[in-house]
Amino acid sequence: MKILFGGTFDPIHNGHIALARYISQQFNHHVSLLPLNGVPNYKKPPLASLTQRLAMLQLIANQYPEQIEIDYSEAGLTEYSPTVYTLQRLRQKYGNEMPFYFIIGGDSLVTLDIWDEWQKLFGLTNFIVAARPNYPLNKMSAELQQEVMPRITENTQQRTANGRIIMTHFEPIELSSTMIRAHVARQTSIAGMVDGKIQEYINEQQLYR
C-alpha cells in the first residue's frame, strides 16, 4: 500500500503535519510526502529550492518515523508533471495491484475535473478526501458528480488498488504556506504555525525574506 500526499511544501507547516499524521493513524500506514519539483504555469514557482524543501521534509520525517516518509519520485524532474503522469510512473514502478491512495482536500475533490486527464486518475489511485463533516459536494459539475458519487465510501479498512474515494472527517487547521511566507517577509512570528525545527531552518537559510 502507498499513501501519497503531494504538494510544494514551501514550507511544510503544522496543518500538513496534522493531516499526514491523522491519515497515518486512520489507515495504520506511513504517509509518503511527495514534494513537487514544479508547478503549473498559472502558479508561482516555489521560493525555496527543492533541496531546501526536501531538507525541511526530512526534519519532519525524522520526528515521526512511524507515520511519515518522503517519496522522491519528482526529485529528478526539471519541470512540472501533472498528477496523472506522476501516478503512471509510480504504477510502472510498483505495479497495478498495489493499493494507491492520494490525499486531497474537499476543495480539490469538487474541482477534480480541471485536473489534467482527470478521468484516468480513478484507474490509477484511490483518493482520500480530508474534509469537514458534511462538506458540500454539490459544488461539483454534473459530469464529475456522476463519476464521483458511486465511488464514495467511509470505509478505511477495505483495500483496493484504485477507484474508490474515501471520505475522512478532518477539521483542517487554517494555515497556508503563503500565509507563513508572508509572516516571515514581514518579520512577524510563525511560532505555532510551523514545527520548531522548520522555523530554525527557515532562519538559518534566510528563506522567504
N, C-alpha and C. Protein backbone atom coordinates (compact mmCIF):
# COMPACT_ATOMS: atom_id res chain seq x y z
N MET A 1 0.84 -1.19 0.00
CA MET A 1 0.00 0.00 0.00
C MET A 1 0.88 1.25 0.00
N LYS A 2 0.42 2.28 -0.69
CA LYS A 2 1.15 3.54 -0.74
C LYS A 2 0.15 4.68 -0.60
N ILE A 3 0.40 5.56 0.38
CA ILE A 3 -0.43 6.74 0.60
C ILE A 3 0.39 7.97 0.27
N LEU A 4 -0.03 8.73 -0.72
CA LEU A 4 0.73 9.88 -1.21
C LEU A 4 0.07 11.19 -0.80
N PHE A 5 0.90 12.11 -0.37
CA PHE A 5 0.46 13.46 -0.01
C PHE A 5 1.34 14.43 -0.79
N GLY A 6 0.83 14.92 -1.91
CA GLY A 6 1.61 15.78 -2.78
C GLY A 6 1.45 17.25 -2.44
N GLY A 7 2.48 18.02 -2.74
CA GLY A 7 2.42 19.46 -2.52
C GLY A 7 3.77 20.09 -2.75
N THR A 8 3.79 21.42 -2.78
CA THR A 8 5.09 22.09 -2.90
C THR A 8 5.78 22.16 -1.55
N PHE A 9 5.00 22.20 -0.46
CA PHE A 9 5.56 22.25 0.90
C PHE A 9 6.61 23.37 1.00
N ASP A 10 6.14 24.58 0.75
CA ASP A 10 7.05 25.74 0.66
C ASP A 10 6.63 26.84 1.64
N PRO A 11 6.73 26.60 2.98
CA PRO A 11 7.30 25.42 3.64
C PRO A 11 6.21 24.45 4.10
N ILE A 12 6.63 23.28 4.58
CA ILE A 12 5.70 22.39 5.27
C ILE A 12 5.29 23.07 6.58
N HIS A 13 4.00 22.99 6.91
CA HIS A 13 3.52 23.65 8.13
C HIS A 13 2.73 22.67 8.99
N ASN A 14 2.28 23.16 10.14
CA ASN A 14 1.63 22.28 11.10
C ASN A 14 0.32 21.70 10.59
N GLY A 15 -0.33 22.38 9.65
CA GLY A 15 -1.53 21.81 9.04
C GLY A 15 -1.21 20.58 8.21
N HIS A 16 -0.14 20.66 7.42
CA HIS A 16 0.31 19.49 6.65
C HIS A 16 0.62 18.31 7.58
N ILE A 17 1.36 18.61 8.64
CA ILE A 17 1.80 17.55 9.56
C ILE A 17 0.60 16.91 10.25
N ALA A 18 -0.33 17.73 10.72
CA ALA A 18 -1.52 17.20 11.39
C ALA A 18 -2.31 16.29 10.46
N LEU A 19 -2.47 16.69 9.21
CA LEU A 19 -3.22 15.88 8.25
C LEU A 19 -2.49 14.57 7.96
N ALA A 20 -1.19 14.64 7.72
CA ALA A 20 -0.43 13.42 7.43
C ALA A 20 -0.50 12.44 8.59
N ARG A 21 -0.38 12.93 9.81
CA ARG A 21 -0.42 12.05 10.99
C ARG A 21 -1.83 11.48 11.19
N TYR A 22 -2.85 12.28 10.93
CA TYR A 22 -4.23 11.81 11.06
C TYR A 22 -4.51 10.68 10.07
N ILE A 23 -4.12 10.87 8.83
CA ILE A 23 -4.35 9.83 7.82
C ILE A 23 -3.53 8.58 8.15
N SER A 24 -2.31 8.76 8.62
CA SER A 24 -1.49 7.62 9.01
C SER A 24 -2.18 6.81 10.11
N GLN A 25 -2.78 7.49 11.07
CA GLN A 25 -3.49 6.80 12.15
C GLN A 25 -4.73 6.09 11.62
N GLN A 26 -5.47 6.74 10.74
CA GLN A 26 -6.70 6.16 10.21
C GLN A 26 -6.44 4.90 9.39
N PHE A 27 -5.32 4.89 8.66
CA PHE A 27 -5.02 3.79 7.75
C PHE A 27 -3.93 2.87 8.28
N ASN A 28 -3.37 3.22 9.45
CA ASN A 28 -2.31 2.41 10.06
C ASN A 28 -1.18 2.16 9.08
N HIS A 29 -0.71 3.23 8.46
CA HIS A 29 0.33 3.11 7.44
C HIS A 29 1.05 4.44 7.29
N HIS A 30 2.30 4.35 6.82
CA HIS A 30 3.05 5.57 6.52
C HIS A 30 2.31 6.43 5.49
N VAL A 31 2.46 7.73 5.63
CA VAL A 31 2.08 8.67 4.58
C VAL A 31 3.37 9.15 3.91
N SER A 32 3.40 9.07 2.59
CA SER A 32 4.58 9.49 1.82
C SER A 32 4.38 10.92 1.32
N LEU A 33 5.19 11.83 1.82
CA LEU A 33 5.16 13.21 1.34
C LEU A 33 5.81 13.27 -0.03
N LEU A 34 5.11 13.84 -1.00
CA LEU A 34 5.57 13.88 -2.38
C LEU A 34 5.79 15.33 -2.79
N PRO A 35 7.00 15.86 -2.58
CA PRO A 35 7.25 17.26 -2.94
C PRO A 35 7.34 17.45 -4.45
N LEU A 36 6.63 18.43 -4.96
CA LEU A 36 6.61 18.68 -6.40
C LEU A 36 7.79 19.55 -6.78
N ASN A 37 8.42 19.22 -7.89
CA ASN A 37 9.59 19.98 -8.34
C ASN A 37 9.21 21.10 -9.30
N GLY A 38 7.94 21.23 -9.57
CA GLY A 38 7.47 22.30 -10.45
C GLY A 38 6.00 22.53 -10.19
N VAL A 39 5.45 23.58 -10.76
CA VAL A 39 4.04 23.90 -10.61
C VAL A 39 3.47 24.26 -11.97
N PRO A 40 2.14 24.20 -12.13
CA PRO A 40 1.54 24.63 -13.40
C PRO A 40 1.89 26.08 -13.70
N ASN A 41 1.76 26.46 -14.96
CA ASN A 41 2.13 27.81 -15.39
C ASN A 41 1.35 28.91 -14.68
N TYR A 42 0.13 28.60 -14.24
CA TYR A 42 -0.70 29.63 -13.61
C TYR A 42 -0.35 29.84 -12.13
N LYS A 43 0.60 29.07 -11.60
CA LYS A 43 1.01 29.24 -10.21
C LYS A 43 2.44 29.76 -10.15
N LYS A 44 2.74 30.49 -9.08
CA LYS A 44 4.10 30.97 -8.88
C LYS A 44 5.00 29.82 -8.45
N PRO A 45 6.24 29.77 -8.94
CA PRO A 45 7.14 28.69 -8.55
C PRO A 45 7.52 28.80 -7.07
N PRO A 46 7.92 27.70 -6.45
CA PRO A 46 8.34 27.74 -5.05
C PRO A 46 9.51 28.70 -4.85
N LEU A 47 9.54 29.35 -3.68
CA LEU A 47 10.65 30.24 -3.36
C LEU A 47 11.84 29.46 -2.83
N ALA A 48 11.58 28.42 -2.06
CA ALA A 48 12.67 27.56 -1.59
C ALA A 48 13.01 26.54 -2.66
N SER A 49 14.28 26.21 -2.77
CA SER A 49 14.70 25.20 -3.75
C SER A 49 14.17 23.83 -3.35
N LEU A 50 14.18 22.91 -4.28
CA LEU A 50 13.76 21.54 -3.96
C LEU A 50 14.65 20.97 -2.87
N THR A 51 15.94 21.24 -2.93
CA THR A 51 16.86 20.74 -1.90
C THR A 51 16.46 21.26 -0.52
N GLN A 52 16.12 22.53 -0.44
CA GLN A 52 15.72 23.10 0.84
C GLN A 52 14.38 22.54 1.31
N ARG A 53 13.45 22.37 0.41
CA ARG A 53 12.14 21.82 0.80
C ARG A 53 12.27 20.36 1.23
N LEU A 54 13.12 19.61 0.54
CA LEU A 54 13.37 18.23 0.95
C LEU A 54 14.01 18.18 2.33
N ALA A 55 14.92 19.10 2.60
CA ALA A 55 15.57 19.15 3.92
C ALA A 55 14.54 19.40 5.01
N MET A 56 13.59 20.28 4.76
CA MET A 56 12.54 20.55 5.74
C MET A 56 11.65 19.33 5.94
N LEU A 57 11.32 18.65 4.85
CA LEU A 57 10.51 17.44 4.97
C LEU A 57 11.24 16.37 5.76
N GLN A 58 12.54 16.27 5.55
CA GLN A 58 13.32 15.26 6.26
C GLN A 58 13.34 15.54 7.76
N LEU A 59 13.37 16.81 8.13
CA LEU A 59 13.31 17.17 9.55
C LEU A 59 12.02 16.65 10.19
N ILE A 60 10.93 16.72 9.45
CA ILE A 60 9.65 16.24 9.97
C ILE A 60 9.60 14.71 9.96
N ALA A 61 10.06 14.10 8.87
CA ALA A 61 10.07 12.63 8.79
C ALA A 61 10.91 12.03 9.91
N ASN A 62 11.99 12.70 10.27
CA ASN A 62 12.84 12.22 11.36
C ASN A 62 12.11 12.23 12.70
N GLN A 63 11.18 13.15 12.86
CA GLN A 63 10.44 13.25 14.12
C GLN A 63 9.31 12.24 14.21
N TYR A 64 8.77 11.85 13.07
CA TYR A 64 7.62 10.93 13.05
C TYR A 64 7.91 9.74 12.13
N PRO A 65 8.96 8.98 12.44
CA PRO A 65 9.38 7.91 11.51
C PRO A 65 8.35 6.80 11.34
N GLU A 66 7.44 6.64 12.30
CA GLU A 66 6.42 5.60 12.19
C GLU A 66 5.24 6.04 11.34
N GLN A 67 5.18 7.33 11.02
CA GLN A 67 4.00 7.84 10.33
C GLN A 67 4.30 8.53 9.00
N ILE A 68 5.48 9.15 8.90
CA ILE A 68 5.76 10.00 7.74
C ILE A 68 7.07 9.60 7.09
N GLU A 69 7.05 9.50 5.76
CA GLU A 69 8.25 9.26 4.97
C GLU A 69 8.21 10.19 3.75
N ILE A 70 9.27 10.17 2.97
CA ILE A 70 9.36 11.04 1.79
C ILE A 70 9.43 10.19 0.54
N ASP A 71 8.68 10.56 -0.47
CA ASP A 71 8.76 9.93 -1.78
C ASP A 71 9.53 10.88 -2.71
N TYR A 72 10.59 10.38 -3.31
CA TYR A 72 11.48 11.23 -4.12
C TYR A 72 11.18 11.13 -5.62
N SER A 73 9.99 10.64 -5.97
CA SER A 73 9.67 10.40 -7.38
C SER A 73 9.82 11.64 -8.25
N GLU A 74 9.50 12.80 -7.71
CA GLU A 74 9.54 14.03 -8.50
C GLU A 74 10.90 14.72 -8.46
N ALA A 75 11.79 14.24 -7.60
CA ALA A 75 13.04 14.97 -7.33
C ALA A 75 13.92 15.11 -8.57
N GLY A 76 13.88 14.15 -9.47
CA GLY A 76 14.75 14.21 -10.64
C GLY A 76 14.16 14.95 -11.82
N LEU A 77 12.92 15.43 -11.68
CA LEU A 77 12.27 16.12 -12.80
C LEU A 77 12.70 17.58 -12.86
N THR A 78 12.72 18.13 -14.06
CA THR A 78 13.14 19.52 -14.23
C THR A 78 11.97 20.46 -14.49
N GLU A 79 10.77 19.90 -14.64
CA GLU A 79 9.60 20.74 -14.88
C GLU A 79 8.38 20.09 -14.27
N TYR A 80 7.29 20.83 -14.26
CA TYR A 80 6.05 20.36 -13.66
C TYR A 80 5.54 19.09 -14.34
N SER A 81 5.09 18.15 -13.51
CA SER A 81 4.48 16.92 -14.02
C SER A 81 3.07 16.82 -13.47
N PRO A 82 2.04 16.78 -14.33
CA PRO A 82 0.69 16.59 -13.84
C PRO A 82 0.56 15.32 -13.00
N THR A 83 -0.35 15.33 -12.06
CA THR A 83 -0.53 14.20 -11.15
C THR A 83 -0.72 12.89 -11.90
N VAL A 84 -1.46 12.92 -12.99
CA VAL A 84 -1.73 11.69 -13.72
C VAL A 84 -0.44 11.05 -14.22
N TYR A 85 0.53 11.86 -14.65
CA TYR A 85 1.80 11.31 -15.14
C TYR A 85 2.65 10.79 -13.99
N THR A 86 2.61 11.49 -12.86
CA THR A 86 3.33 11.01 -11.68
C THR A 86 2.80 9.65 -11.25
N LEU A 87 1.49 9.50 -11.23
CA LEU A 87 0.89 8.23 -10.82
C LEU A 87 1.19 7.13 -11.83
N GLN A 88 1.22 7.46 -13.10
CA GLN A 88 1.56 6.46 -14.12
C GLN A 88 2.99 5.96 -13.92
N ARG A 89 3.92 6.88 -13.61
CA ARG A 89 5.30 6.46 -13.35
C ARG A 89 5.38 5.57 -12.11
N LEU A 90 4.63 5.93 -11.07
CA LEU A 90 4.65 5.13 -9.86
C LEU A 90 4.03 3.75 -10.09
N ARG A 91 3.01 3.70 -10.93
CA ARG A 91 2.41 2.40 -11.26
C ARG A 91 3.42 1.51 -12.01
N GLN A 92 4.20 2.11 -12.88
CA GLN A 92 5.23 1.34 -13.57
C GLN A 92 6.25 0.78 -12.58
N LYS A 93 6.51 1.53 -11.54
CA LYS A 93 7.48 1.10 -10.53
C LYS A 93 6.92 0.04 -9.60
N TYR A 94 5.68 0.22 -9.15
CA TYR A 94 5.12 -0.65 -8.10
C TYR A 94 4.12 -1.67 -8.63
N GLY A 95 3.71 -1.56 -9.89
CA GLY A 95 2.74 -2.49 -10.43
C GLY A 95 1.31 -2.02 -10.23
N ASN A 96 0.38 -2.72 -10.84
CA ASN A 96 -1.02 -2.30 -10.84
C ASN A 96 -1.84 -2.86 -9.69
N GLU A 97 -1.27 -3.80 -8.92
CA GLU A 97 -2.05 -4.44 -7.87
C GLU A 97 -1.94 -3.73 -6.53
N MET A 98 -0.88 -2.95 -6.32
CA MET A 98 -0.70 -2.29 -5.03
C MET A 98 -1.78 -1.22 -4.82
N PRO A 99 -2.43 -1.22 -3.66
CA PRO A 99 -3.37 -0.14 -3.37
C PRO A 99 -2.66 1.21 -3.27
N PHE A 100 -3.10 2.16 -4.07
CA PHE A 100 -2.59 3.53 -4.04
C PHE A 100 -3.67 4.44 -3.47
N TYR A 101 -3.25 5.39 -2.66
CA TYR A 101 -4.15 6.40 -2.10
C TYR A 101 -3.51 7.77 -2.26
N PHE A 102 -4.29 8.73 -2.72
CA PHE A 102 -3.79 10.09 -2.94
C PHE A 102 -4.63 11.04 -2.12
N ILE A 103 -3.99 11.78 -1.22
CA ILE A 103 -4.71 12.66 -0.30
C ILE A 103 -5.03 13.99 -0.98
N ILE A 104 -6.30 14.39 -0.88
CA ILE A 104 -6.71 15.71 -1.37
C ILE A 104 -7.69 16.31 -0.37
N GLY A 105 -7.96 17.59 -0.50
CA GLY A 105 -8.97 18.25 0.32
C GLY A 105 -10.31 18.26 -0.39
N GLY A 106 -11.34 18.63 0.35
CA GLY A 106 -12.67 18.70 -0.25
C GLY A 106 -12.74 19.67 -1.41
N ASP A 107 -11.99 20.78 -1.32
CA ASP A 107 -12.00 21.76 -2.41
C ASP A 107 -11.41 21.18 -3.68
N SER A 108 -10.41 20.29 -3.54
CA SER A 108 -9.83 19.65 -4.72
C SER A 108 -10.78 18.62 -5.32
N LEU A 109 -11.52 17.93 -4.46
CA LEU A 109 -12.46 16.93 -4.97
C LEU A 109 -13.51 17.58 -5.87
N VAL A 110 -14.07 18.68 -5.44
CA VAL A 110 -15.17 19.28 -6.21
C VAL A 110 -14.69 19.98 -7.47
N THR A 111 -13.38 20.12 -7.62
CA THR A 111 -12.83 20.71 -8.86
C THR A 111 -11.88 19.73 -9.56
N LEU A 112 -12.06 18.45 -9.29
CA LEU A 112 -11.15 17.45 -9.84
C LEU A 112 -11.18 17.44 -11.37
N ASP A 113 -12.28 17.88 -11.95
CA ASP A 113 -12.40 17.83 -13.41
C ASP A 113 -11.60 18.92 -14.12
N ILE A 114 -10.87 19.76 -13.38
CA ILE A 114 -9.95 20.69 -14.04
C ILE A 114 -8.53 20.13 -14.05
N TRP A 115 -8.32 18.97 -13.42
CA TRP A 115 -7.00 18.34 -13.43
C TRP A 115 -6.75 17.73 -14.81
N ASP A 116 -5.49 17.67 -15.20
CA ASP A 116 -5.13 17.06 -16.48
C ASP A 116 -5.58 15.60 -16.53
N GLU A 117 -6.31 15.25 -17.60
CA GLU A 117 -6.73 13.86 -17.85
C GLU A 117 -7.35 13.24 -16.60
N TRP A 118 -8.26 13.98 -15.98
CA TRP A 118 -8.78 13.59 -14.68
C TRP A 118 -9.51 12.25 -14.69
N GLN A 119 -10.12 11.89 -15.81
CA GLN A 119 -10.86 10.62 -15.85
C GLN A 119 -9.93 9.42 -15.65
N LYS A 120 -8.65 9.58 -16.03
CA LYS A 120 -7.70 8.47 -15.89
C LYS A 120 -7.28 8.24 -14.44
N LEU A 121 -7.47 9.24 -13.61
CA LEU A 121 -6.97 9.16 -12.23
C LEU A 121 -7.60 8.01 -11.46
N PHE A 122 -8.89 7.74 -11.71
CA PHE A 122 -9.59 6.70 -10.95
C PHE A 122 -9.07 5.31 -11.28
N GLY A 123 -8.43 5.15 -12.43
CA GLY A 123 -7.83 3.87 -12.78
C GLY A 123 -6.42 3.71 -12.25
N LEU A 124 -5.91 4.77 -11.60
CA LEU A 124 -4.54 4.75 -11.10
C LEU A 124 -4.46 4.77 -9.59
N THR A 125 -5.45 5.35 -8.93
CA THR A 125 -5.36 5.53 -7.48
C THR A 125 -6.74 5.60 -6.86
N ASN A 126 -6.79 5.38 -5.55
CA ASN A 126 -7.92 5.79 -4.73
C ASN A 126 -7.63 7.21 -4.25
N PHE A 127 -8.65 7.91 -3.83
CA PHE A 127 -8.48 9.23 -3.22
C PHE A 127 -8.91 9.18 -1.76
N ILE A 128 -8.12 9.80 -0.91
CA ILE A 128 -8.54 10.06 0.46
C ILE A 128 -8.87 11.55 0.53
N VAL A 129 -10.11 11.84 0.86
CA VAL A 129 -10.55 13.23 0.91
C VAL A 129 -10.64 13.66 2.37
N ALA A 130 -9.80 14.61 2.74
CA ALA A 130 -9.82 15.16 4.09
C ALA A 130 -10.69 16.41 4.07
N ALA A 131 -11.88 16.29 4.63
CA ALA A 131 -12.84 17.40 4.58
C ALA A 131 -13.63 17.46 5.87
N ARG A 132 -14.15 18.63 6.14
CA ARG A 132 -15.03 18.78 7.30
C ARG A 132 -16.26 17.89 7.12
N PRO A 133 -16.87 17.43 8.24
CA PRO A 133 -18.12 16.67 8.12
C PRO A 133 -19.17 17.47 7.35
N ASN A 134 -19.92 16.78 6.52
CA ASN A 134 -20.98 17.39 5.71
C ASN A 134 -20.46 18.42 4.72
N TYR A 135 -19.24 18.20 4.24
CA TYR A 135 -18.68 19.11 3.24
C TYR A 135 -19.60 19.11 2.01
N PRO A 136 -19.98 20.28 1.49
CA PRO A 136 -20.94 20.34 0.37
C PRO A 136 -20.35 19.83 -0.94
N LEU A 137 -20.79 18.66 -1.35
CA LEU A 137 -20.29 18.07 -2.59
C LEU A 137 -21.10 18.52 -3.80
N ASN A 138 -22.15 19.28 -3.58
CA ASN A 138 -22.99 19.70 -4.70
C ASN A 138 -22.36 20.81 -5.52
N LYS A 139 -21.15 21.23 -5.15
CA LYS A 139 -20.45 22.27 -5.92
C LYS A 139 -19.84 21.73 -7.20
N MET A 140 -19.74 20.40 -7.31
CA MET A 140 -19.06 19.84 -8.48
C MET A 140 -19.99 19.80 -9.69
N SER A 141 -19.38 19.75 -10.87
CA SER A 141 -20.15 19.69 -12.11
C SER A 141 -20.94 18.39 -12.18
N ALA A 142 -21.95 18.37 -13.03
CA ALA A 142 -22.78 17.18 -13.18
C ALA A 142 -21.95 15.99 -13.66
N GLU A 143 -21.03 16.24 -14.58
CA GLU A 143 -20.19 15.16 -15.11
C GLU A 143 -19.30 14.58 -14.01
N LEU A 144 -18.70 15.45 -13.22
CA LEU A 144 -17.84 14.97 -12.14
C LEU A 144 -18.66 14.26 -11.07
N GLN A 145 -19.82 14.79 -10.75
CA GLN A 145 -20.69 14.18 -9.75
C GLN A 145 -21.07 12.76 -10.16
N GLN A 146 -21.35 12.57 -11.42
CA GLN A 146 -21.72 11.25 -11.92
C GLN A 146 -20.57 10.26 -11.75
N GLU A 147 -19.35 10.74 -11.89
CA GLU A 147 -18.17 9.89 -11.76
C GLU A 147 -17.81 9.64 -10.29
N VAL A 148 -18.00 10.65 -9.48
CA VAL A 148 -17.52 10.60 -8.10
C VAL A 148 -18.48 9.89 -7.15
N MET A 149 -19.76 10.22 -7.21
CA MET A 149 -20.69 9.78 -6.16
C MET A 149 -20.74 8.27 -5.95
N PRO A 150 -20.74 7.44 -7.02
CA PRO A 150 -20.77 5.99 -6.78
C PRO A 150 -19.49 5.45 -6.12
N ARG A 151 -18.43 6.23 -6.13
CA ARG A 151 -17.15 5.76 -5.61
C ARG A 151 -16.95 6.10 -4.13
N ILE A 152 -17.80 6.94 -3.58
CA ILE A 152 -17.59 7.46 -2.22
C ILE A 152 -17.89 6.40 -1.17
N THR A 153 -17.01 6.32 -0.18
CA THR A 153 -17.16 5.43 0.97
C THR A 153 -16.47 6.07 2.16
N GLU A 154 -16.79 5.57 3.35
CA GLU A 154 -16.06 5.99 4.56
C GLU A 154 -15.28 4.82 5.14
N ASN A 155 -15.23 3.71 4.41
CA ASN A 155 -14.52 2.51 4.87
C ASN A 155 -13.03 2.67 4.65
N THR A 156 -12.27 2.81 5.73
CA THR A 156 -10.82 2.98 5.63
C THR A 156 -10.08 1.65 5.68
N GLN A 157 -10.80 0.55 5.87
CA GLN A 157 -10.14 -0.75 6.05
C GLN A 157 -10.10 -1.58 4.77
N GLN A 158 -11.06 -1.38 3.87
CA GLN A 158 -11.08 -2.13 2.62
C GLN A 158 -9.93 -1.69 1.73
N ARG A 159 -9.19 -2.65 1.20
CA ARG A 159 -8.02 -2.33 0.38
C ARG A 159 -8.29 -2.70 -1.08
N THR A 160 -8.32 -1.69 -1.93
CA THR A 160 -8.44 -1.90 -3.37
C THR A 160 -7.35 -1.09 -4.05
N ALA A 161 -6.97 -1.49 -5.24
CA ALA A 161 -5.84 -0.85 -5.92
C ALA A 161 -6.17 0.59 -6.32
N ASN A 162 -7.42 0.84 -6.70
CA ASN A 162 -7.78 2.16 -7.22
C ASN A 162 -9.29 2.31 -7.25
N GLY A 163 -9.75 3.50 -7.62
CA GLY A 163 -11.15 3.70 -7.96
C GLY A 163 -12.09 4.12 -6.86
N ARG A 164 -11.64 4.11 -5.60
CA ARG A 164 -12.53 4.49 -4.51
C ARG A 164 -12.20 5.89 -4.01
N ILE A 165 -13.18 6.54 -3.41
CA ILE A 165 -12.99 7.86 -2.80
C ILE A 165 -13.39 7.73 -1.33
N ILE A 166 -12.41 7.78 -0.46
CA ILE A 166 -12.65 7.57 0.96
C ILE A 166 -12.75 8.92 1.65
N MET A 167 -13.92 9.20 2.20
CA MET A 167 -14.13 10.47 2.91
C MET A 167 -13.70 10.31 4.36
N THR A 168 -12.83 11.18 4.81
CA THR A 168 -12.41 11.19 6.21
C THR A 168 -12.77 12.55 6.80
N HIS A 169 -13.26 12.52 8.02
CA HIS A 169 -13.71 13.75 8.67
C HIS A 169 -12.54 14.39 9.41
N PHE A 170 -11.96 15.38 8.78
CA PHE A 170 -10.79 16.05 9.33
C PHE A 170 -11.06 17.55 9.38
N GLU A 171 -10.88 18.12 10.54
CA GLU A 171 -11.07 19.56 10.70
C GLU A 171 -9.74 20.24 10.41
N PRO A 172 -9.58 20.82 9.24
CA PRO A 172 -8.27 21.36 8.86
C PRO A 172 -7.86 22.55 9.72
N ILE A 173 -6.55 22.66 9.94
CA ILE A 173 -6.00 23.82 10.61
C ILE A 173 -5.91 24.95 9.58
N GLU A 174 -6.41 26.11 9.95
CA GLU A 174 -6.46 27.23 8.99
C GLU A 174 -5.06 27.84 8.81
N LEU A 175 -4.26 27.16 8.03
CA LEU A 175 -2.90 27.60 7.75
C LEU A 175 -2.63 27.43 6.27
N SER A 176 -1.70 28.22 5.76
CA SER A 176 -1.23 28.02 4.40
C SER A 176 0.23 28.41 4.33
N SER A 177 0.94 27.82 3.39
CA SER A 177 2.35 28.18 3.20
C SER A 177 2.47 29.64 2.78
N THR A 178 1.50 30.13 2.00
CA THR A 178 1.50 31.53 1.59
C THR A 178 1.46 32.45 2.80
N MET A 179 0.61 32.12 3.76
CA MET A 179 0.49 32.90 4.99
C MET A 179 1.81 32.92 5.76
N ILE A 180 2.46 31.77 5.84
CA ILE A 180 3.72 31.68 6.58
C ILE A 180 4.81 32.49 5.89
N ARG A 181 4.90 32.39 4.58
CA ARG A 181 5.90 33.17 3.85
C ARG A 181 5.68 34.67 4.06
N ALA A 182 4.42 35.08 4.10
CA ALA A 182 4.11 36.50 4.31
C ALA A 182 4.54 36.95 5.71
N HIS A 183 4.31 36.10 6.70
CA HIS A 183 4.74 36.43 8.06
C HIS A 183 6.26 36.58 8.13
N VAL A 184 6.97 35.66 7.49
CA VAL A 184 8.43 35.73 7.51
C VAL A 184 8.91 37.00 6.82
N ALA A 185 8.30 37.32 5.69
CA ALA A 185 8.69 38.52 4.95
C ALA A 185 8.47 39.79 5.77
N ARG A 186 7.41 39.76 6.60
CA ARG A 186 7.11 40.93 7.46
C ARG A 186 7.87 40.87 8.78
N GLN A 187 8.61 39.79 8.97
CA GLN A 187 9.37 39.57 10.20
C GLN A 187 8.45 39.49 11.42
N THR A 188 7.29 38.85 11.23
CA THR A 188 6.40 38.56 12.36
C THR A 188 6.48 37.08 12.67
N SER A 189 6.09 36.71 13.87
CA SER A 189 6.33 35.36 14.38
C SER A 189 5.53 34.30 13.61
N ILE A 190 6.16 33.16 13.39
CA ILE A 190 5.47 32.00 12.83
C ILE A 190 5.43 30.87 13.86
N ALA A 191 5.67 31.20 15.12
CA ALA A 191 5.58 30.20 16.19
C ALA A 191 4.17 29.63 16.23
N GLY A 192 4.06 28.32 16.32
CA GLY A 192 2.77 27.65 16.32
C GLY A 192 2.24 27.34 14.93
N MET A 193 2.83 27.93 13.91
CA MET A 193 2.42 27.65 12.53
C MET A 193 3.26 26.55 11.91
N VAL A 194 4.53 26.52 12.28
CA VAL A 194 5.44 25.50 11.77
C VAL A 194 6.14 24.83 12.95
N ASP A 195 6.66 23.65 12.70
CA ASP A 195 7.45 22.96 13.71
C ASP A 195 8.67 23.80 14.07
N GLY A 196 9.13 23.68 15.30
CA GLY A 196 10.28 24.46 15.75
C GLY A 196 11.52 24.26 14.90
N LYS A 197 11.74 23.02 14.47
CA LYS A 197 12.92 22.75 13.63
C LYS A 197 12.79 23.40 12.25
N ILE A 198 11.57 23.49 11.76
CA ILE A 198 11.35 24.17 10.48
C ILE A 198 11.61 25.67 10.64
N GLN A 199 11.16 26.22 11.74
CA GLN A 199 11.41 27.64 12.00
C GLN A 199 12.91 27.92 12.07
N GLU A 200 13.65 27.05 12.74
CA GLU A 200 15.10 27.20 12.82
C GLU A 200 15.74 27.13 11.43
N TYR A 201 15.28 26.18 10.62
CA TYR A 201 15.84 26.01 9.28
C TYR A 201 15.56 27.24 8.41
N ILE A 202 14.34 27.75 8.49
CA ILE A 202 13.99 28.95 7.71
C ILE A 202 14.90 30.11 8.10
N ASN A 203 15.15 30.25 9.39
CA ASN A 203 16.03 31.34 9.86
C ASN A 203 17.47 31.12 9.40
N GLU A 204 17.94 29.88 9.53
CA GLU A 204 19.33 29.58 9.14
C GLU A 204 19.56 29.83 7.66
N GLN A 205 18.58 29.44 6.84
CA GLN A 205 18.71 29.57 5.38
C GLN A 205 18.26 30.95 4.88
N GLN A 206 17.73 31.74 5.80
CA GLN A 206 17.20 33.08 5.44
C GLN A 206 16.18 32.99 4.30
N LEU A 207 15.27 32.05 4.44
CA LEU A 207 14.23 31.85 3.43
C LEU A 207 13.10 32.86 3.59
N TYR A 208 12.46 33.15 2.46
CA TYR A 208 11.21 33.92 2.38
C TYR A 208 11.36 35.38 2.85
N ARG A 209 12.55 35.93 2.80
CA ARG A 209 12.75 37.31 3.29
C ARG A 209 12.66 38.31 2.13
